[in-house]
């Protein structure tokens, strides 16, 4: 399959659940998370949807519900609220200091501002994984 083609039976339209991503974007996001996980030994997760207020606390609550919070990184994005939170567990934070997360967040926000939600998340995952992989 070449770029721009869709698999038989897939229209490239939004998923049945009417989420913000096409099937192709979901596949790209899944691949980016798998690469980030395998290259770092950390577990990367992405949440896209509304966040309860206060958003940081809610993102931390979501992070705490992951299978291995100490080695996990959660990217929580709420397009409707224009909020992005990156939560790292204590083990992950040793390899991804706040400064690194802030730089990735700035890059993601720039892509989001240009209307590229999936591309922004993929870029952020890549930046975080690149930095954590060097540790």
Protein backbone atom coordinates (compact mmCIF):
# COMPACT_ATOMS: atom_id res chain seq x y z
CA UNK A 1 0.00 0.00 0.00
CA UNK A 2 1.32 3.44 -0.85
CA UNK A 3 0.81 6.71 0.96
CA UNK A 4 -2.69 8.01 0.50
CA UNK A 5 -4.24 4.61 -0.19
CA UNK A 6 -6.58 2.96 2.25
CA UNK A 7 -6.99 -0.70 3.00
CA UNK A 8 -10.00 -2.41 1.42
CA UNK A 9 -13.13 -1.67 3.43
CA UNK A 10 -11.66 1.44 5.03
CA UNK A 11 -12.80 4.78 3.76
CA UNK A 12 -10.30 7.01 5.52
CA UNK A 13 -13.28 8.65 7.20
CA UNK A 14 -13.55 9.17 10.93
CA UNK A 15 -14.01 5.99 12.97
CA UNK A 16 -17.49 4.78 13.83
CA UNK A 17 -17.11 6.22 17.32
CA UNK A 18 -16.63 9.61 15.67
CA UNK A 19 -13.29 10.23 17.36
CA UNK A 20 -10.85 12.91 16.27
CA UNK A 21 -8.67 10.51 14.25
CA UNK A 22 -8.97 8.57 11.03
CA UNK A 23 -8.09 4.89 11.02
CA UNK A 24 -4.78 5.72 9.35
CA UNK A 25 -3.93 8.27 12.05
CA UNK A 26 -4.78 5.75 14.76
CA UNK A 27 -2.42 3.24 13.17
CA UNK A 28 0.35 5.87 13.03
CA UNK A 29 -0.25 6.79 16.70
CA UNK A 30 -0.16 3.14 17.73
CA UNK A 31 3.10 2.60 15.86
CA UNK A 32 4.65 5.72 17.44
CA UNK A 33 3.72 4.50 20.93
CA UNK A 34 5.11 1.02 20.25
CA UNK A 35 8.38 2.50 18.98
CA UNK A 36 8.62 4.81 21.99
CA UNK A 37 7.97 1.91 24.37
CA UNK A 38 10.46 -0.44 22.74
CA UNK A 39 13.24 2.12 22.36
CA UNK A 40 13.06 3.36 25.96
CA UNK A 41 11.66 0.59 28.15
CA UNK A 42 9.10 3.11 29.39
CA UNK A 43 5.37 2.85 28.73
CA UNK A 44 3.82 5.70 26.76
CA UNK A 45 0.06 6.32 26.76
CA UNK A 46 -2.10 8.94 25.10
CA UNK A 47 -5.46 10.21 26.29
CA UNK A 48 -7.49 12.50 24.03
CA UNK A 49 -10.69 13.91 25.45
CA UNK A 50 -12.08 16.34 27.96
CA UNK A 51 -10.25 16.58 31.28
CA UNK A 52 -12.05 17.30 34.52
CA UNK A 53 -10.98 20.43 36.40
CA UNK A 54 -8.37 20.87 37.68
CA UNK A 55 -6.91 19.34 34.55
CA UNK A 56 -3.49 18.56 36.00
CA UNK A 57 -4.97 16.61 38.89
CA UNK A 58 -7.24 14.70 36.55
CA UNK A 59 -4.32 13.82 34.25
CA UNK A 60 -2.38 12.62 37.30
CA UNK A 61 -5.37 10.49 38.31
CA UNK A 62 -5.48 8.94 34.83
CA UNK A 63 -1.73 8.30 35.03
CA UNK A 64 -2.08 6.56 38.40
CA UNK A 65 -4.54 4.11 36.81
CA UNK A 66 -2.00 2.88 34.25
CA UNK A 67 -0.54 -0.61 34.70
CA UNK A 68 2.95 0.60 35.69
CA UNK A 69 2.72 4.25 36.77
CA UNK A 70 6.36 4.56 37.92
CA UNK A 71 7.70 3.85 34.42
CA UNK A 72 4.81 5.39 32.48
CA UNK A 73 4.40 8.62 30.54
CA UNK A 74 0.91 9.94 29.84
CA UNK A 75 0.21 12.56 27.21
CA UNK A 76 -3.28 13.93 27.93
CA UNK A 77 -4.75 16.24 25.31
CA UNK A 78 -8.08 18.03 25.50
CA UNK A 79 -8.62 19.83 22.19
CA UNK A 80 -11.93 21.33 23.35
CA UNK A 81 -10.30 22.85 26.43
CA UNK A 82 -7.04 23.63 24.62
CA UNK A 83 -5.12 21.78 27.34
CA UNK A 84 -2.09 19.50 27.16
CA UNK A 85 -0.65 17.68 30.16
CA UNK A 86 2.36 15.37 30.23
CA UNK A 87 2.56 13.23 33.36
CA UNK A 88 5.61 11.11 34.13
CA UNK A 89 6.05 8.53 36.87
CA UNK A 90 9.07 8.82 39.19
CA UNK A 91 11.23 6.38 37.23
CA UNK A 92 10.27 7.95 33.90
CA UNK A 93 10.89 11.45 35.29
CA UNK A 94 14.55 10.62 35.95
CA UNK A 95 14.94 10.13 32.20
CA UNK A 96 12.49 12.83 31.14
CA UNK A 97 12.99 15.93 33.24
CA UNK A 98 10.33 18.66 33.21
CA UNK A 99 12.37 20.75 30.78
CA UNK A 100 12.29 17.96 28.19
CA UNK A 101 8.54 17.50 28.65
CA UNK A 102 7.98 21.25 28.29
CA UNK A 103 9.94 21.34 25.02
CA UNK A 104 7.91 18.42 23.66
CA UNK A 105 4.71 20.16 24.79
CA UNK A 106 5.68 23.34 22.94
CA UNK A 107 6.31 21.36 19.77
CA UNK A 108 2.99 19.56 20.11
CA UNK A 109 1.12 22.80 20.78
CA UNK A 110 2.56 24.33 17.61
CA UNK A 111 1.29 21.38 15.55
CA UNK A 112 -2.10 21.50 17.29
CA UNK A 113 -2.34 25.21 16.47
CA UNK A 114 -1.85 24.29 12.82
CA UNK A 115 -4.69 21.76 13.04
CA UNK A 116 -2.53 18.62 13.18
CA UNK A 117 -3.58 16.76 16.32
CA UNK A 118 -2.22 13.34 15.35
CA UNK A 119 1.03 14.74 13.93
CA UNK A 120 1.59 16.80 17.07
CA UNK A 121 1.17 13.81 19.34
CA UNK A 122 3.43 11.66 17.16
CA UNK A 123 6.08 14.39 17.16
CA UNK A 124 5.87 14.71 20.94
CA UNK A 125 6.16 10.96 21.42
CA UNK A 126 9.21 10.90 19.19
CA UNK A 127 10.91 13.77 21.03
CA UNK A 128 10.26 12.24 24.43
CA UNK A 129 11.42 8.79 23.31
CA UNK A 130 14.56 10.22 21.68
CA UNK A 131 15.54 11.96 24.90
CA UNK A 132 14.67 9.03 27.18
CA UNK A 133 16.50 6.62 24.87
CA UNK A 134 19.75 8.57 25.28
CA UNK A 135 19.78 8.06 29.01
